[in-house]
C-alpha atoms as a PDB file:
ATOM      1  CA  MET A   1       0.000   0.000   0.000  1.00  0.00           C
ATOM      2  CA  VAL A   2       1.239   3.443  -0.882  1.00  0.00           C
ATOM      3  CA  ASN A   3      -0.461   6.647   0.225  1.00  0.00           C
ATOM      4  CA  GLY A   4       1.017   8.804  -2.516  1.00  0.00           C
ATOM      5  CA  ASP A   5       3.499  10.681  -0.368  1.00  0.00           C
ATOM      6  CA  VAL A   6       7.207  10.058   0.050  1.00  0.00           C
ATOM      7  CA  PHE A   7       8.593   9.525   3.525  1.00  0.00           C
ATOM      8  CA  ARG A   8      11.574   7.976   5.260  1.00  0.00           C
ATOM      9  CA  TRP A   9      11.137   5.647   8.196  1.00  0.00           C
ATOM     10  CA  ARG A  10      14.107   7.235   9.952  1.00  0.00           C
ATOM     11  CA  ARG A  11      12.076  10.460  10.087  1.00  0.00           C
ATOM     12  CA  MET A  12       8.746   8.757  10.700  1.00  0.00           C
ATOM     13  CA  TRP A  13       9.835   6.867  13.832  1.00  0.00           C
ATOM     14  CA  PRO A  14      10.678   9.991  15.874  1.00  0.00           C
ATOM     15  CA  ALA A  15       7.352  11.565  14.845  1.00  0.00           C
ATOM     16  CA  LEU A  16       5.371   8.473  15.873  1.00  0.00           C
ATOM     17  CA  ALA A  17       7.272   8.196  19.155  1.00  0.00           C
ATOM     18  CA  ALA A  18       6.489  11.862  19.883  1.00  0.00           C
ATOM     19  CA  TRP A  19       2.779  11.224  19.205  1.00  0.00           C
ATOM     20  CA  PHE A  20       2.839   8.569  21.926  1.00  0.00           C
ATOM     21  CA  GLY A  21       4.842  10.831  24.239  1.00  0.00           C
ATOM     22  CA  LEU A  22       7.849   8.521  24.030  1.00  0.00           C
ATOM     23  CA  GLU A  23      11.499   9.197  23.473  1.00  0.00           C
ATOM     24  CA  TRP A  24      12.753   7.773  20.203  1.00  0.00           C
ATOM     25  CA  GLU A  25      15.679   5.433  20.636  1.00  0.00           C
ATOM     26  CA  GLY A  26      16.846   4.982  17.077  1.00  0.00           C
ATOM     27  CA  TYR A  27      18.993   2.345  15.467  1.00  0.00           C
ATOM     28  CA  ARG A  28      21.693   0.683  17.565  1.00  0.00           C
ATOM     29  CA  ASP A  29      24.312  -1.439  15.804  1.00  0.00           C
ATOM     30  CA  ALA A  30      22.033  -4.207  14.497  1.00  0.00           C
ATOM     31  CA  PRO A  31      18.379  -4.962  13.770  1.00  0.00           C
ATOM     32  CA  ARG A  32      16.271  -5.839  16.816  1.00  0.00           C
ATOM     33  CA  PRO A  33      13.328  -7.905  15.553  1.00  0.00           C
ATOM     34  CA  LEU A  34      10.096  -7.279  17.437  1.00  0.00           C
ATOM     35  CA  GLU A  35       9.262 -10.980  17.436  1.00  0.00           C
ATOM     36  CA  GLN A  36      12.267 -11.549  19.723  1.00  0.00           C
ATOM     37  CA  GLN A  37      11.855  -8.374  21.791  1.00  0.00           C
ATOM     38  CA  MET A  38       8.164  -8.963  22.478  1.00  0.00           C
ATOM     39  CA  ARG A  39       8.454 -12.657  23.356  1.00  0.00           C
ATOM     40  CA  GLY A  40       6.962 -13.128  26.809  1.00  0.00           C
ATOM     41  CA  ALA A  41       5.320  -9.680  26.922  1.00  0.00           C
ATOM     42  CA  GLU A  42       1.835 -11.108  27.522  1.00  0.00           C
ATOM     43  CA  ASP A  43       1.988 -10.457  31.283  1.00  0.00           C
ATOM     44  CA  VAL A  44       3.069  -6.861  30.730  1.00  0.00           C
ATOM     45  CA  TRP A  45       0.200  -6.403  28.250  1.00  0.00           C
ATOM     46  CA  ALA A  46      -2.249  -7.907  30.759  1.00  0.00           C
ATOM     47  CA  ARG A  47      -1.176  -5.276  33.322  1.00  0.00           C
ATOM     48  CA  ILE A  48      -1.551  -2.475  30.758  1.00  0.00           C
ATOM     49  CA  VAL A  49      -5.021  -3.776  29.815  1.00  0.00           C
ATOM     50  CA  ALA A  50      -6.086  -3.842  33.471  1.00  0.00           C
ATOM     51  CA  GLU A  51      -4.591  -0.426  34.245  1.00  0.00           C
ATOM     52  CA  HIS A  52      -6.211   1.328  31.262  1.00  0.00           C
ATOM     53  CA  GLY A  53      -9.408  -0.692  30.862  1.00  0.00           C
ATOM     54  CA  LEU A  54      -8.526  -1.828  27.370  1.00  0.00           C
ATOM     55  CA  ALA A  55     -10.806  -3.984  25.242  1.00  0.00           C
ATOM     56  CA  GLU A  56      -8.431  -6.719  24.054  1.00  0.00           C
ATOM     57  CA  PRO A  57      -6.489  -8.751  26.607  1.00  0.00           C
ATOM     58  CA  ASP A  58      -4.914 -11.068  23.994  1.00  0.00           C
ATOM     59  CA  LEU A  59      -1.707  -9.407  22.802  1.00  0.00           C
ATOM     60  CA  ALA A  60      -1.533 -11.721  19.780  1.00  0.00           C
ATOM     61  CA  ARG A  61      -4.808 -10.192  18.544  1.00  0.00           C
ATOM     62  CA  VAL A  62      -3.427  -6.661  18.918  1.00  0.00           C
ATOM     63  CA  ALA A  63      -0.110  -7.063  17.114  1.00  0.00           C
ATOM     64  CA  SER A  64       1.623  -9.463  14.775  1.00  0.00           C
ATOM     65  CA  TRP A  65       5.324  -9.091  15.491  1.00  0.00           C
ATOM     66  CA  TRP A  66       6.550 -11.411  12.722  1.00  0.00           C
ATOM     67  CA  HIS A  67       4.467  -9.510  10.174  1.00  0.00           C
ATOM     68  CA  THR A  68       5.793  -6.154  11.356  1.00  0.00           C
ATOM     69  CA  ASP A  69       9.336  -7.519  11.207  1.00  0.00           C
ATOM     70  CA  ALA A  70       8.708  -8.735   7.644  1.00  0.00           C
ATOM     71  CA  ASP A  71       7.417  -5.304   6.598  1.00  0.00           C
ATOM     72  CA  LEU A  72       9.972  -3.156   8.385  1.00  0.00           C
ATOM     73  CA  GLY A  73      12.995  -5.422   8.725  1.00  0.00           C
ATOM     74  CA  ARG A  74      14.302  -4.976   5.221  1.00  0.00           C
ATOM     75  CA  PRO A  75      18.045  -4.354   4.933  1.00  0.00           C
ATOM     76  CA  ILE A  76      17.459  -1.639   2.309  1.00  0.00           C
ATOM     77  CA  GLU A  77      15.389   1.510   2.272  1.00  0.00           C
ATOM     78  CA  VAL A  78      12.223   1.093   0.208  1.00  0.00           C
ATOM     79  CA  VAL A  79      10.908   3.927  -1.943  1.00  0.00           C
ATOM     80  CA  ALA A  80       7.506   3.460  -3.551  1.00  0.00           C
ATOM     81  CA  ASP A  81       6.527   5.105  -6.831  1.00  0.00           C
ATOM     82  CA  MET A  82       2.895   5.994  -7.577  1.00  0.00           C
ATOM     83  CA  SER A  83       3.519   7.101 -11.182  1.00  0.00           C
ATOM     84  CA  LYS A  84       1.909   4.091 -12.868  1.00  0.00           C
ATOM     85  CA  SER A  85      -1.084   4.204 -10.507  1.00  0.00           C
ATOM     86  CA  ARG A  86      -1.576   7.926 -11.120  1.00  0.00           C
ATOM     87  CA  LEU A  87      -1.512   7.364 -14.883  1.00  0.00           C
ATOM     88  CA  ALA A  88      -4.239   4.737 -14.331  1.00  0.00           C
ATOM     89  CA  GLY A  89      -6.407   7.330 -12.563  1.00  0.00           C
ATOM     90  CA  PHE A  90      -5.561   6.751  -8.908  1.00  0.00           C
ATOM     91  CA  THR A  91      -4.708  10.326  -8.026  1.00  0.00           C
ATOM     92  CA  GLY A  92      -5.651  10.337  -4.350  1.00  0.00           C
ATOM     93  CA  TYR A  93      -3.132  11.316  -1.742  1.00  0.00           C
ATOM     94  CA  ARG A  94      -2.881  10.703   1.978  1.00  0.00           C
ATOM     95  CA  ARG A  95      -0.071  11.764   4.258  1.00  0.00           C
ATOM     96  CA  THR A  96       1.320   8.585   5.812  1.00  0.00           C
ATOM     97  CA  ARG A  97       1.988  10.212   9.173  1.00  0.00           C
ATOM     98  CA  ASP A  98      -1.666  11.301   9.338  1.00  0.00           C
ATOM     99  CA  CYS A  99      -2.783   7.766   8.471  1.00  0.00           C
ATOM    100  CA  PHE A 100      -0.816   6.376  11.394  1.00  0.00           C
ATOM    101  CA  THR A 101      -1.928   8.986  13.919  1.00  0.00           C
ATOM    102  CA  GLY A 102      -5.537   8.754  12.733  1.00  0.00           C
ATOM    103  CA  LEU A 103      -5.428   5.000  13.244  1.00  0.00           C
ATOM    104  CA  PHE A 104      -3.878   5.451  16.688  1.00  0.00           C
ATOM    105  CA  ASP A 105      -6.620   7.943  17.582  1.00  0.00           C
ATOM    106  CA  ARG A 106      -9.231   5.379  16.534  1.00  0.00           C
ATOM    107  CA  TYR A 107      -7.503   2.610  18.520  1.00  0.00           C
ATOM    108  CA  ARG A 108      -7.493   4.836  21.588  1.00  0.00           C
ATOM    109  CA  ALA A 109     -11.172   5.695  21.152  1.00  0.00           C
ATOM    110  CA  GLU A 110     -11.979   1.976  20.852  1.00  0.00           C
ATOM    111  CA  HIS A 111      -9.807   1.154  23.910  1.00  0.00           C
ATOM    112  CA  ILE A 112      -7.387  -1.007  21.933  1.00  0.00           C
ATOM    113  CA  ILE A 113      -4.327   0.979  23.064  1.00  0.00           C
ATOM    114  CA  PRO A 114      -3.883   3.311  26.067  1.00  0.00           C
END
């Protein structure tokens, strides 16, 4: 999926971290796959769910770490081109950052995330 804008993840991550009120850590020496980092986080999620009254106690239904790693764990930077789609009549545009924050707003309203 491409929204029609051009962005770099290295600039997107600090913006998304700021939206959540978190400090962005950045890249450190080697990839850190989420599937490994989040292994065993179910108890932590259960505490967050209880503390914030969230709707989904099953962390596996909230996030798919392997899928996120597959999308974001590429060793090269990916740039998407909408030229062919625009020539075919798909001229819509959405700012990717706004798509993320809009989704996060919806998840908060639906008590999926704190």
